[in-house]
Amino acid sequence: MAFIEIDKVHKSYGHTEVLKGVSLSIQRHEVVCLIGASGSGKSTLLRCINQLEQVNGGDIRIDGDTVTGAGVDLNQLRRDVGIVFQSYNLFPHMSVIENVMLAPSRVGGVPKRVALEKGMALLESVGMEDKAKAFPDSLSGGQQQRVAIVRALAMEPRVMLLDEITAALDPELVGDVLEIVRELASGGLTMLLATHEMGFAKEVATQVCFLDAGSICENGPPSEIFENPQEERTQEFLSRVVKSGRL
């Protein structure tokens, strides 16, 4: 049985159908990269997995438990499934370490001393321990994104969702953030990434899914998707990516 099972998921906003019966199986420790043009449904799919968006049809199961529909413990779900967005969403009135400690101590019931120790260890792992007492507005975009990733990791999630986390960064800052994701992947954390960083997807993904107009048009190992795509729509998309110099 797959660790994450996305089964015929539909999502609409009014009369606009954004996800059209998406199905996907993800094994534990996999890194799945969702690629495709803007508006293809990548971000919506991620948001459905931890119920930031409610599905209109189909089911999502994690480790055998259905996490869509009524009666789901959303606090527990979001402890298990962390998400990081392209906008950092740090609390501006809190220091870096306070941002990191907030969820474990308030939601997870972790004693503040323990939350502090774990938070500092996580900040050290991404080279941000010297910024623990700084406030978000004094940090660069890349530094804020590293803190956002650490804040999600502080809840010790079983799954991480990363939604275009480098999209708002200056080009020279992208590498630092992607290096953290590489380390998480090598550590075995199950991750789903919506990304426009094609070279990175080719390098770290165990599975690449090309979404087009709310459907998974093609998915498979990165070597197959990037080097020998079978579907015409995938071929067209990647051809444009190559011409733009992004692969």
Protein backbone atom coordinates (compact mmCIF):
# COMPACT_ATOMS: atom_id res chain seq x y z
CA MET A 1 0.00 0.00 0.00
CA ALA A 2 1.25 3.47 -0.89
CA PHE A 3 2.09 5.88 1.94
CA ILE A 4 0.06 8.66 0.28
CA GLU A 5 -2.83 7.73 -2.01
CA ILE A 6 -4.55 10.48 -3.99
CA ASP A 7 -7.64 8.91 -5.53
CA LYS A 8 -9.70 10.66 -8.24
CA VAL A 9 -9.54 14.06 -6.52
CA HIS A 10 -11.71 16.85 -7.89
CA LYS A 11 -11.60 20.49 -6.83
CA SER A 12 -13.67 23.35 -8.22
CA TYR A 13 -13.99 27.04 -7.48
CA GLY A 14 -17.48 27.92 -8.61
CA HIS A 15 -17.83 26.70 -12.18
CA THR A 16 -14.06 26.42 -12.67
CA GLU A 17 -12.74 22.87 -12.22
CA VAL A 18 -9.12 23.14 -11.07
CA LEU A 19 -8.44 19.44 -10.37
CA LYS A 20 -10.11 16.92 -12.67
CA GLY A 21 -9.93 13.51 -11.06
CA VAL A 22 -6.24 13.50 -10.07
CA SER A 23 -4.84 10.14 -8.91
CA LEU A 24 -1.31 9.61 -7.61
CA SER A 25 0.47 7.07 -5.41
CA ILE A 26 3.49 8.09 -3.32
CA GLN A 27 5.69 5.73 -1.36
CA ARG A 28 7.32 6.58 1.96
CA HIS A 29 10.60 8.55 1.53
CA GLU A 30 9.73 9.57 -2.03
CA VAL A 31 10.38 13.07 -3.36
CA VAL A 32 7.66 13.93 -5.88
CA CYS A 33 8.02 17.05 -8.01
CA LEU A 34 4.90 18.55 -9.56
CA ILE A 35 5.70 20.48 -12.72
CA GLY A 36 3.56 22.32 -15.23
CA ALA A 37 2.49 25.78 -16.28
CA SER A 38 1.05 28.26 -13.79
CA GLY A 39 -2.62 27.48 -13.23
CA SER A 40 -2.25 23.76 -13.94
CA GLY A 41 -3.36 22.78 -10.41
CA LYS A 42 -0.05 22.08 -8.66
CA SER A 43 -0.57 24.39 -5.68
CA THR A 44 -4.22 23.44 -5.30
CA LEU A 45 -3.29 19.76 -5.12
CA LEU A 46 -0.78 20.45 -2.34
CA ARG A 47 -3.32 22.51 -0.40
CA CYS A 48 -5.87 19.71 -0.66
CA ILE A 49 -3.47 17.21 0.92
CA ASN A 50 -3.50 19.01 4.28
CA GLN A 51 -7.06 20.32 3.85
CA LEU A 52 -6.26 23.97 3.40
CA GLU A 53 -8.65 23.37 0.51
CA GLN A 54 -11.47 20.85 0.76
CA VAL A 55 -11.88 18.46 -2.14
CA ASN A 56 -15.18 18.26 -4.02
CA GLY A 57 -14.74 14.60 -4.87
CA GLY A 58 -12.35 11.71 -4.39
CA ASP A 59 -10.20 10.83 -1.39
CA ILE A 60 -6.70 11.37 -0.06
CA ARG A 61 -5.22 8.79 2.31
CA ILE A 62 -2.01 9.01 4.33
CA ASP A 63 -0.66 5.79 5.78
CA GLY A 64 -4.10 4.21 5.30
CA ASP A 65 -6.05 7.00 7.01
CA THR A 66 -8.47 9.12 4.98
CA VAL A 67 -7.61 12.80 5.49
CA THR A 68 -10.36 14.32 3.35
CA GLY A 69 -14.01 14.85 4.22
CA ALA A 70 -15.72 15.50 7.54
CA GLY A 71 -14.45 14.35 10.92
CA VAL A 72 -10.73 14.73 10.24
CA ASP A 73 -8.60 16.06 13.10
CA LEU A 74 -7.09 19.02 11.26
CA ASN A 75 -4.61 19.83 14.02
CA GLN A 76 -3.21 16.32 13.88
CA LEU A 77 -3.20 16.35 10.08
CA ARG A 78 -1.21 19.57 9.98
CA ARG A 79 1.23 18.25 12.55
CA ASP A 80 1.82 15.29 10.25
CA VAL A 81 1.84 17.30 7.01
CA GLY A 82 3.91 20.48 7.01
CA ILE A 83 3.61 23.06 4.24
CA VAL A 84 5.88 25.90 3.12
CA PHE A 85 4.68 28.56 0.68
CA GLN A 86 6.49 30.91 -1.68
CA SER A 87 5.51 33.79 0.63
CA TYR A 88 7.26 33.14 3.91
CA ASN A 89 4.31 33.97 6.22
CA LEU A 90 6.52 34.55 9.26
CA PHE A 91 4.99 36.50 12.14
CA PRO A 92 6.69 39.93 11.88
CA HIS A 93 6.28 40.76 15.59
CA MET A 94 8.11 37.58 16.67
CA SER A 95 11.81 36.80 16.53
CA VAL A 96 13.09 33.95 14.40
CA ILE A 97 13.29 31.52 17.31
CA GLU A 98 9.83 32.57 18.55
CA ASN A 99 8.41 31.83 15.09
CA VAL A 100 10.04 28.39 15.17
CA MET A 101 8.92 27.57 18.73
CA LEU A 102 5.34 28.75 18.40
CA ALA A 103 3.63 25.69 16.91
CA PRO A 104 5.50 23.00 18.90
CA SER A 105 4.81 24.75 22.21
CA ARG A 106 1.27 26.07 21.51
CA VAL A 107 -0.12 23.26 19.34
CA GLY A 108 2.16 20.33 20.05
CA GLY A 109 2.32 20.82 23.81
CA VAL A 110 6.13 20.69 23.80
CA PRO A 111 7.70 22.37 26.87
CA LYS A 112 9.24 25.70 25.93
CA ARG A 113 12.71 24.62 27.02
CA VAL A 114 12.55 21.59 24.74
CA ALA A 115 11.06 23.64 21.90
CA LEU A 116 13.91 26.15 22.30
CA GLU A 117 16.60 23.45 22.20
CA LYS A 118 15.08 21.76 19.15
CA GLY A 119 14.47 25.09 17.43
CA MET A 120 18.06 26.20 17.89
CA ALA A 121 19.33 22.85 16.60
CA LEU A 122 17.16 23.21 13.49
CA LEU A 123 18.34 26.79 12.92
CA GLU A 124 21.93 25.63 13.26
CA SER A 125 21.29 22.92 10.64
CA VAL A 126 20.43 25.61 8.08
CA GLY A 127 23.08 28.10 9.15
CA MET A 128 20.64 30.48 10.84
CA GLU A 129 21.47 30.08 14.53
CA ASP A 130 23.08 33.54 14.66
CA LYS A 131 19.76 35.06 13.53
CA ALA A 132 17.67 33.43 16.27
CA LYS A 133 16.85 36.74 17.99
CA ALA A 134 16.46 38.74 14.78
CA PHE A 135 13.08 39.78 13.42
CA PRO A 136 11.91 38.70 9.96
CA ASP A 137 12.08 42.16 8.39
CA SER A 138 15.84 42.25 9.02
CA LEU A 139 16.41 39.06 7.00
CA SER A 140 16.87 38.51 3.29
CA GLY A 141 14.26 36.56 1.34
CA GLY A 142 16.44 33.47 1.31
CA GLN A 143 16.97 33.68 5.06
CA GLN A 144 13.24 34.09 5.69
CA GLN A 145 12.49 31.07 3.52
CA ARG A 146 15.01 28.98 5.46
CA VAL A 147 13.27 30.00 8.68
CA ALA A 148 9.89 29.10 7.16
CA ILE A 149 11.20 25.62 6.32
CA VAL A 150 12.62 25.21 9.83
CA ARG A 151 9.30 26.33 11.34
CA ALA A 152 7.52 23.56 9.43
CA LEU A 153 10.18 21.00 10.40
CA ALA A 154 9.84 21.93 14.07
CA MET A 155 6.58 19.96 14.17
CA GLU A 156 8.47 16.84 13.03
CA PRO A 157 6.07 16.19 10.13
CA ARG A 158 5.88 12.88 8.31
CA VAL A 159 5.28 14.69 5.02
CA MET A 160 6.46 18.09 3.74
CA LEU A 161 4.65 20.05 1.04
CA LEU A 162 6.72 22.75 -0.66
CA ASP A 163 4.79 25.16 -2.86
CA GLU A 164 7.06 27.08 -5.25
CA ILE A 165 9.34 27.95 -2.34
CA THR A 166 11.95 29.65 -4.54
CA ALA A 167 9.53 31.60 -6.75
CA ALA A 168 9.80 34.85 -4.78
CA LEU A 169 13.57 34.70 -4.27
CA ASP A 170 16.32 36.54 -6.09
CA PRO A 171 18.24 34.09 -8.32
CA GLU A 172 21.39 34.17 -6.16
CA LEU A 173 19.38 33.07 -3.10
CA VAL A 174 17.69 30.07 -4.71
CA GLY A 175 20.68 27.73 -4.30
CA ASP A 176 20.80 28.06 -0.51
CA VAL A 177 17.15 27.11 -0.13
CA LEU A 178 17.36 24.22 -2.59
CA GLU A 179 20.38 22.85 -0.71
CA ILE A 180 18.21 22.47 2.39
CA VAL A 181 15.65 20.53 0.36
CA ARG A 182 18.44 18.28 -0.96
CA GLU A 183 19.48 17.51 2.60
CA LEU A 184 15.89 16.74 3.63
CA ALA A 185 15.54 14.43 0.63
CA SER A 186 18.76 12.60 1.46
CA GLY A 187 17.47 12.20 5.02
CA GLY A 188 14.44 10.32 3.76
CA LEU A 189 11.66 12.85 4.41
CA THR A 190 8.64 12.26 2.18
CA MET A 191 8.10 15.43 0.16
CA LEU A 192 5.89 16.84 -2.56
CA LEU A 193 7.17 19.93 -4.33
CA ALA A 194 5.45 22.20 -6.81
CA THR A 195 8.38 23.76 -8.63
CA HIS A 196 9.57 25.59 -11.73
CA GLU A 197 13.18 24.58 -10.98
CA MET A 198 13.42 21.84 -13.60
CA GLY A 199 17.09 21.04 -13.13
CA PHE A 200 16.49 20.60 -9.42
CA ALA A 201 13.48 18.37 -10.05
CA LYS A 202 15.56 16.23 -12.38
CA GLU A 203 18.23 15.90 -9.71
CA VAL A 204 16.28 15.19 -6.51
CA ALA A 205 12.91 13.73 -7.52
CA THR A 206 12.09 10.04 -7.39
CA GLN A 207 8.90 10.80 -9.34
CA VAL A 208 7.96 13.73 -11.57
CA CYS A 209 4.33 14.56 -12.37
CA PHE A 210 3.46 16.88 -15.22
CA LEU A 211 0.10 18.57 -14.62
CA ASP A 212 -1.84 20.22 -17.40
CA ALA A 213 -5.22 21.91 -17.00
CA GLY A 214 -6.01 20.12 -13.75
CA SER A 215 -4.97 16.61 -14.76
CA ILE A 216 -1.80 14.57 -14.44
CA CYS A 217 -0.81 14.26 -18.07
CA GLU A 218 2.25 12.10 -17.42
CA ASN A 219 4.27 10.89 -14.46
CA GLY A 220 7.30 8.68 -13.87
CA PRO A 221 10.99 8.76 -12.94
CA PRO A 222 12.74 12.03 -13.85
CA SER A 223 14.93 10.28 -16.43
CA GLU A 224 11.81 9.21 -18.34
CA ILE A 225 9.87 12.47 -18.03
CA PHE A 226 12.73 14.80 -18.90
CA GLU A 227 14.60 12.67 -21.44
CA ASN A 228 11.85 10.63 -23.09
CA PRO A 229 8.40 12.14 -22.48
CA GLN A 230 5.63 10.18 -24.15
CA GLU A 231 2.76 12.67 -24.20
CA GLU A 232 2.69 15.45 -26.78
CA ARG A 233 1.66 18.04 -24.19
CA THR A 234 4.62 17.09 -21.97
CA GLN A 235 6.95 17.33 -24.95
CA GLU A 236 5.65 20.81 -25.80
CA PHE A 237 6.04 22.04 -22.23
CA LEU A 238 9.58 20.72 -21.82
CA SER A 239 10.59 22.03 -25.23
CA ARG A 240 9.66 25.53 -24.09
CA VAL A 241 11.51 24.98 -20.81
CA VAL A 242 14.68 23.99 -22.71
CA LYS A 243 14.40 27.03 -25.00
CA SER A 244 14.13 29.29 -21.97
CA GLY A 245 17.34 27.82 -20.54
CA ARG A 246 15.71 26.39 -17.44
CA LEU A 247 16.73 22.79 -18.13
